[in-house]
Protein backbone atom coordinates (compact mmCIF):
# COMPACT_ATOMS: atom_id res chain seq x y z
CA MET A 1 -5.68 -50.30 -44.84
CA HIS A 2 -5.00 -49.04 -48.33
CA VAL A 3 -2.89 -45.84 -48.54
CA ARG A 4 -4.96 -42.77 -49.38
CA ARG A 5 -3.64 -40.43 -52.05
CA THR A 6 -3.86 -36.73 -52.82
CA PHE A 7 -4.69 -35.33 -56.28
CA ALA A 8 -1.10 -34.31 -56.65
CA GLU A 9 0.17 -37.72 -56.06
CA LEU A 10 -2.30 -39.20 -58.63
CA SER A 11 -0.44 -37.53 -61.45
CA VAL A 12 2.36 -40.01 -60.87
CA GLU A 13 1.56 -43.32 -62.89
CA GLU A 14 3.20 -45.64 -60.43
CA ILE A 15 0.85 -44.24 -57.68
CA PHE A 16 -2.20 -43.86 -59.82
CA LEU A 17 -2.26 -47.49 -61.21
CA PRO A 18 -2.16 -49.38 -57.96
CA TRP A 19 -4.60 -46.92 -56.29
CA VAL A 20 -7.27 -47.56 -58.93
CA ALA A 21 -6.40 -51.23 -59.12
CA HIS A 22 -7.07 -51.52 -55.38
CA PHE A 23 -10.83 -50.76 -56.07
CA LEU A 24 -11.02 -53.21 -58.97
CA ARG A 25 -9.45 -55.99 -56.71
CA ARG A 26 -12.12 -55.26 -54.05
CA GLY A 27 -14.83 -55.56 -56.48
CA ARG A 28 -15.82 -52.01 -55.97
CA LEU A 29 -15.31 -50.58 -59.48
CA ALA A 30 -18.08 -49.56 -61.88
CA LEU A 31 -17.99 -48.24 -65.45
CA VAL A 32 -19.90 -45.18 -66.62
CA LEU A 33 -19.89 -44.86 -70.43
CA GLY A 34 -20.69 -42.15 -72.83
CA SER A 35 -21.13 -42.08 -76.57
CA GLY A 36 -17.51 -41.75 -77.38
CA ILE A 37 -16.82 -45.45 -76.76
CA SER A 38 -18.83 -46.66 -79.77
CA TYR A 39 -17.35 -44.45 -82.51
CA GLY A 40 -14.71 -47.23 -83.25
CA SER A 41 -17.49 -49.49 -84.32
CA ASP A 42 -18.89 -47.16 -86.87
CA LEU A 43 -21.71 -45.99 -84.62
CA PRO A 44 -22.58 -42.21 -85.04
CA SER A 45 -22.35 -39.26 -82.70
CA TRP A 46 -25.56 -37.63 -81.75
CA GLU A 47 -25.26 -35.05 -84.64
CA VAL A 48 -24.32 -37.68 -87.32
CA LEU A 49 -27.34 -39.77 -86.12
CA LEU A 50 -29.65 -36.94 -86.84
CA ASP A 51 -28.03 -36.24 -90.12
CA ARG A 52 -28.61 -39.89 -91.10
CA MET A 53 -32.21 -39.72 -90.01
CA PHE A 54 -33.10 -36.58 -92.02
CA SER A 55 -31.13 -37.80 -95.03
CA ALA A 56 -32.95 -41.16 -95.14
CA GLU A 57 -36.22 -39.36 -95.36
CA SER A 58 -34.93 -36.85 -97.94
CA VAL A 59 -35.98 -34.11 -95.55
CA GLY A 60 -33.89 -30.94 -95.04
CA LYS A 61 -32.69 -30.49 -91.47
CA PRO A 62 -34.21 -27.64 -89.46
CA ASP A 63 -32.26 -24.45 -89.25
CA THR A 64 -31.19 -24.92 -85.56
CA THR A 65 -28.02 -26.10 -83.74
CA ASP A 66 -30.12 -27.45 -80.87
CA LEU A 67 -30.03 -31.24 -81.34
CA LYS A 68 -32.74 -31.93 -78.88
CA LEU A 69 -35.05 -29.62 -80.78
CA MET A 70 -33.98 -31.01 -84.13
CA ALA A 71 -34.82 -34.58 -82.89
CA GLU A 72 -38.13 -33.38 -81.52
CA MET A 73 -39.01 -31.90 -84.91
CA PHE A 74 -38.15 -35.27 -86.69
CA ARG A 75 -40.45 -37.11 -84.19
CA SER A 76 -43.34 -34.85 -84.66
CA ARG A 77 -43.11 -33.91 -88.36
CA VAL A 78 -41.61 -36.96 -89.94
CA CYS A 79 -42.96 -39.66 -87.55
CA LYS A 80 -46.15 -37.71 -86.81
CA GLY A 81 -45.52 -38.35 -83.11
CA ASP A 82 -45.59 -42.18 -83.57
CA ARG A 83 -43.21 -43.64 -81.00
CA GLU A 84 -42.68 -46.94 -82.67
CA VAL A 85 -41.94 -45.41 -86.10
CA PHE A 86 -39.50 -43.01 -84.39
CA LEU A 87 -37.57 -45.85 -82.69
CA GLU A 88 -37.48 -47.91 -85.98
CA LYS A 89 -35.94 -44.88 -87.74
CA VAL A 90 -33.44 -44.16 -84.99
CA HIS A 91 -32.44 -47.89 -85.01
CA ALA A 92 -31.86 -47.84 -88.79
CA ALA A 93 -29.69 -44.67 -88.60
CA LEU A 94 -27.82 -45.99 -85.48
CA TYR A 95 -26.63 -49.20 -87.22
CA GLU A 96 -26.50 -47.90 -90.76
CA SER A 97 -22.71 -48.57 -91.26
CA HIS A 98 -22.27 -50.98 -88.38
CA ASN A 99 -20.59 -54.35 -89.19
CA PRO A 100 -22.10 -56.82 -86.73
CA ASP A 101 -19.46 -59.45 -87.33
CA LEU A 102 -17.98 -60.69 -84.02
CA ALA A 103 -14.48 -60.83 -85.44
CA VAL A 104 -14.71 -57.16 -86.33
CA LEU A 105 -16.19 -56.26 -82.93
CA ARG A 106 -13.31 -57.98 -81.20
CA ARG A 107 -10.83 -55.86 -83.08
CA GLU A 108 -12.24 -52.64 -81.44
CA GLU A 109 -9.55 -51.85 -78.98
CA THR A 110 -11.59 -49.68 -76.65
CA LEU A 111 -14.38 -52.18 -76.30
CA THR A 112 -11.86 -54.94 -75.61
CA ALA A 113 -10.15 -52.86 -72.86
CA LEU A 114 -13.53 -52.00 -71.27
CA SER A 115 -14.58 -55.68 -71.42
CA SER A 116 -11.34 -56.70 -69.55
CA PHE A 117 -12.77 -55.07 -66.43
CA LEU A 118 -15.89 -57.16 -66.72
CA LEU A 119 -14.41 -60.68 -67.36
CA SER A 120 -14.54 -62.86 -64.23
CA SER A 121 -11.15 -62.90 -62.57
CA LYS A 122 -9.58 -63.39 -59.15
CA ARG A 123 -7.74 -60.19 -59.95
CA GLY A 124 -11.09 -58.43 -59.38
CA THR A 125 -14.02 -57.77 -61.60
CA ALA A 126 -16.55 -54.94 -62.26
CA THR A 127 -20.19 -56.14 -62.55
CA ASN A 128 -22.04 -52.87 -63.03
CA VAL A 129 -22.03 -50.60 -66.09
CA VAL A 130 -24.00 -47.51 -66.69
CA THR A 131 -24.00 -46.58 -70.35
CA TYR A 132 -25.71 -43.48 -72.02
CA ASN A 133 -25.62 -45.30 -75.30
CA TYR A 134 -28.58 -47.02 -77.01
CA ASP A 135 -26.53 -49.80 -78.67
CA ASP A 136 -25.71 -53.22 -77.43
CA LEU A 137 -22.11 -53.45 -78.54
CA LEU A 138 -20.89 -54.28 -74.94
CA GLU A 139 -23.57 -56.82 -74.41
CA ARG A 140 -22.77 -58.59 -77.67
CA TYR A 141 -19.12 -58.64 -76.95
CA LEU A 142 -19.47 -59.95 -73.42
CA VAL A 143 -21.92 -62.73 -74.41
CA SER A 144 -19.47 -63.77 -77.04
CA CYS A 145 -17.02 -64.30 -74.24
CA GLY A 146 -19.44 -66.56 -72.36
CA LEU A 147 -20.68 -64.20 -69.84
CA ALA A 148 -24.28 -63.88 -68.63
CA VAL A 149 -25.23 -60.26 -69.24
CA GLU A 150 -28.44 -58.36 -68.47
CA PRO A 151 -29.35 -55.05 -70.17
CA ILE A 152 -31.49 -52.98 -67.78
CA PHE A 153 -33.50 -50.34 -69.51
CA ASP A 154 -36.35 -49.83 -66.98
CA PRO A 155 -35.49 -48.70 -63.48
CA SER A 156 -38.25 -50.94 -62.13
CA HIS A 157 -36.57 -54.33 -62.52
CA TRP A 158 -35.52 -57.52 -60.58
CA ILE A 159 -32.08 -58.27 -59.54
CA ASN A 160 -30.95 -61.38 -61.47
CA ASP A 161 -28.06 -63.69 -61.16
CA VAL A 162 -25.82 -62.50 -63.99
CA ASP A 163 -22.18 -61.74 -64.47
CA VAL A 164 -22.73 -58.15 -65.61
CA SER A 165 -25.69 -55.69 -65.38
CA ILE A 166 -25.59 -52.96 -67.96
CA HIS A 167 -27.95 -50.05 -67.24
CA HIS A 168 -29.29 -47.90 -70.08
CA PRO A 169 -30.96 -44.90 -68.49
CA HIS A 170 -31.37 -43.11 -72.05
CA GLY A 171 -32.87 -46.17 -73.62
CA TYR A 172 -31.83 -49.38 -75.34
CA LEU A 173 -32.07 -50.32 -79.06
CA PRO A 174 -30.17 -53.68 -79.67
CA PHE A 175 -28.97 -54.51 -83.10
CA ASN A 176 -31.31 -57.49 -83.34
CA ASP A 177 -34.64 -55.77 -83.47
CA LYS A 178 -36.39 -58.91 -82.43
CA LEU A 179 -34.95 -58.55 -79.02
CA PRO A 180 -36.70 -56.49 -76.27
CA ARG A 181 -36.02 -52.79 -76.33
CA SER A 182 -36.85 -49.85 -74.15
CA PHE A 183 -40.38 -48.37 -74.46
CA ASP A 184 -38.79 -45.08 -75.63
CA ILE A 185 -35.42 -43.31 -75.73
CA VAL A 186 -34.19 -40.06 -74.46
CA LEU A 187 -33.22 -38.14 -77.70
CA ASP A 188 -35.47 -35.16 -78.31
CA ARG A 189 -36.28 -32.21 -75.96
CA ARG A 190 -39.72 -33.67 -74.82
CA SER A 191 -38.22 -37.05 -73.85
CA TYR A 192 -35.66 -35.13 -71.88
CA ASN A 193 -38.49 -33.26 -70.25
CA ARG A 194 -40.30 -36.52 -69.41
CA LEU A 195 -37.09 -37.90 -67.90
CA LEU A 196 -37.41 -35.15 -65.35
CA THR A 197 -41.03 -35.53 -64.54
CA GLU A 198 -42.14 -39.13 -65.36
CA GLY A 199 -39.97 -41.64 -63.68
CA GLY A 200 -36.72 -39.89 -63.92
CA ASP A 201 -36.31 -39.85 -60.13
CA LYS A 202 -36.19 -43.73 -60.35
CA TRP A 203 -33.26 -43.61 -62.74
CA ILE A 204 -31.54 -40.95 -60.56
CA GLU A 205 -32.00 -43.36 -57.57
CA GLU A 206 -30.74 -46.28 -59.51
CA ILE A 207 -27.54 -44.57 -60.98
CA SER A 208 -26.65 -42.66 -57.87
CA THR A 209 -26.87 -45.87 -55.83
CA ILE A 210 -24.46 -47.50 -58.16
CA MET A 211 -22.10 -44.47 -58.07
CA ARG A 212 -22.27 -44.00 -54.37
CA THR A 213 -21.32 -47.65 -53.71
CA HIS A 214 -18.59 -48.01 -56.36
CA PHE A 215 -15.32 -46.29 -57.46
CA CYS A 216 -16.39 -45.09 -60.99
CA LEU A 217 -14.42 -44.97 -64.21
CA PHE A 218 -15.94 -42.31 -66.51
CA VAL A 219 -15.15 -43.01 -70.11
CA GLY A 220 -16.45 -40.81 -72.96
CA ILE A 221 -18.45 -38.77 -70.46
CA SER A 222 -18.94 -35.07 -70.36
CA LEU A 223 -20.39 -32.80 -67.69
CA LYS A 224 -22.22 -30.81 -70.31
CA ASP A 225 -25.51 -32.68 -69.54
CA GLU A 226 -27.00 -30.77 -66.64
CA ARG A 227 -28.91 -33.65 -65.32
CA PHE A 228 -25.96 -35.97 -65.36
CA ASP A 229 -23.79 -33.26 -63.82
CA ALA A 230 -26.40 -32.93 -60.94
CA ILE A 231 -26.10 -36.62 -60.19
CA ILE A 232 -22.32 -36.38 -60.13
CA ASP A 233 -22.45 -33.42 -57.84
CA MET A 234 -24.94 -35.15 -55.53
CA VAL A 235 -22.92 -38.29 -55.30
CA GLY A 236 -19.70 -36.47 -54.78
CA SER A 237 -21.12 -34.74 -51.66
CA ARG A 238 -21.74 -38.06 -49.84
CA HIS A 239 -19.48 -40.72 -51.37
CA ILE A 240 -17.90 -43.16 -48.86
CA ALA A 241 -14.54 -42.87 -50.57
CA LEU A 242 -14.31 -39.27 -49.71
CA LYS A 243 -15.50 -39.87 -46.23
CA GLU A 244 -12.70 -42.50 -45.74
CA GLY A 245 -10.25 -39.85 -46.92
CA HIS A 246 -9.55 -40.76 -50.40
CA ALA A 247 -8.72 -37.92 -52.81
CA ALA A 248 -11.55 -38.98 -55.23
CA TRP A 249 -14.37 -41.38 -55.80
CA GLY A 250 -13.74 -41.90 -59.46
CA VAL A 251 -11.43 -41.20 -62.52
CA ALA A 252 -12.71 -39.39 -65.67
CA PHE A 253 -10.56 -40.01 -68.72
CA LYS A 254 -10.37 -36.88 -70.87
CA THR A 255 -8.09 -35.10 -73.37
CA ALA A 256 -6.38 -31.84 -72.74
CA GLY A 257 -8.52 -29.94 -75.44
CA GLU A 258 -11.88 -30.82 -73.95
CA SER A 259 -14.03 -27.81 -72.90
CA VAL A 260 -14.65 -29.18 -69.36
CA ASP A 261 -11.39 -28.80 -67.62
CA SER A 262 -9.98 -31.04 -64.83
CA SER A 263 -10.90 -28.58 -62.04
CA ALA A 264 -14.65 -29.09 -62.89
CA TRP A 265 -14.27 -32.85 -62.24
CA ALA A 266 -12.14 -32.18 -59.12
CA ASP A 267 -14.76 -29.93 -57.66
CA ARG A 268 -17.08 -33.02 -57.92
CA GLY A 269 -14.67 -35.26 -56.20
CA VAL A 270 -13.50 -36.98 -59.51
CA TYR A 271 -9.87 -37.12 -60.67
CA ALA A 272 -9.45 -36.20 -64.32
CA LYS A 273 -6.91 -38.36 -66.04
CA GLU A 274 -5.64 -36.51 -69.02
CA LEU A 275 -4.68 -38.40 -72.24
CA GLY A 276 -2.86 -36.98 -75.37
CA SER A 277 -5.71 -38.22 -77.43
CA TYR A 278 -8.36 -40.97 -77.04
CA THR A 279 -6.18 -43.39 -79.16
CA GLU A 280 -4.32 -43.76 -75.73
CA LEU A 281 -7.50 -44.83 -74.01
CA PRO A 282 -7.37 -48.69 -74.55
CA ASP A 283 -3.74 -48.95 -73.20
CA ALA A 284 -4.59 -46.60 -70.28
CA LEU A 285 -7.49 -48.86 -69.19
CA LEU A 286 -5.54 -52.11 -69.62
CA ARG A 287 -2.71 -50.86 -67.55
CA ILE A 288 -5.23 -50.69 -64.60
CA VAL A 289 -6.30 -54.29 -65.20
CA ARG A 290 -2.74 -55.50 -65.63
CA ARG A 291 -1.65 -53.71 -62.35
CA ALA A 292 -4.46 -55.45 -60.41
CA ALA A 293 -3.30 -58.78 -61.93
CA GLU A 294 0.36 -58.07 -60.92
CA VAL A 295 -0.75 -57.38 -57.24
CA GLN A 296 -2.49 -60.74 -57.30
CA LEU A 297 0.62 -62.39 -58.67
CA ASP A 298 2.82 -60.69 -56.02
CA GLU A 299 0.64 -62.10 -53.29
CA PHE A 300 0.82 -65.65 -54.57
CA SER A 301 4.61 -65.18 -54.76
CA SER A 302 5.00 -63.87 -51.27
């Protein structure tokens, strides 16, 4: 039986690495990704996305700091409530400065590090990803590596025989606009409201099931989204890892300057791994994968 660890012990790298690597080797690890992972590929933050959308229409931004309200006003005033027009304009702003060349994509260190968890290996492989991004950077990268990848953007779906399933609860807008995309995206205030009342429970069930049955790595994720925080809180109260006596059921990578401190994650059963800056993230992720491979090598040598 694997040794259980306390939060204090996990601050020691030589304890932390094999502990997380254990879950990867058992095929029990899942990735939960926020918007921060796409910045290296010239994809915008939420605020910059809206700036681009208003600028493209030569329309002044509303006098509000509420980004959901700002997006709602764009949908209603600029797009006249037309969903297809709205999605097209979001797509254009999302990929405005993105270079789709695979050689460029493969140089993005965070994307490469995340993909290393998903590439099939006897060292252990993650097969489920939850991403709150609309883009398909990860899908394109993995397909270029020869993996069968399925983007899931509707909670009512079949289970298919693929290497990696990538769940998009906030919507999916692939770079190639001829590919299937989600019916709508969660960006403005009304779409957030609909998520709570029209099928949002299906996504909650889908995401919480993945989280409850996996050890999760949270990358670029914040607890500021109340709906997401509620899922984390709910999962943390019943996760099998905690019932088995583990200190945590996941790890959240964060920097010391972030507004949500480590104790907030700890209260939800997640260990916060603090980095000096996000430039350290790729190496921090790769150390976990390498440690899992080293354990495999040790077993072959014994």
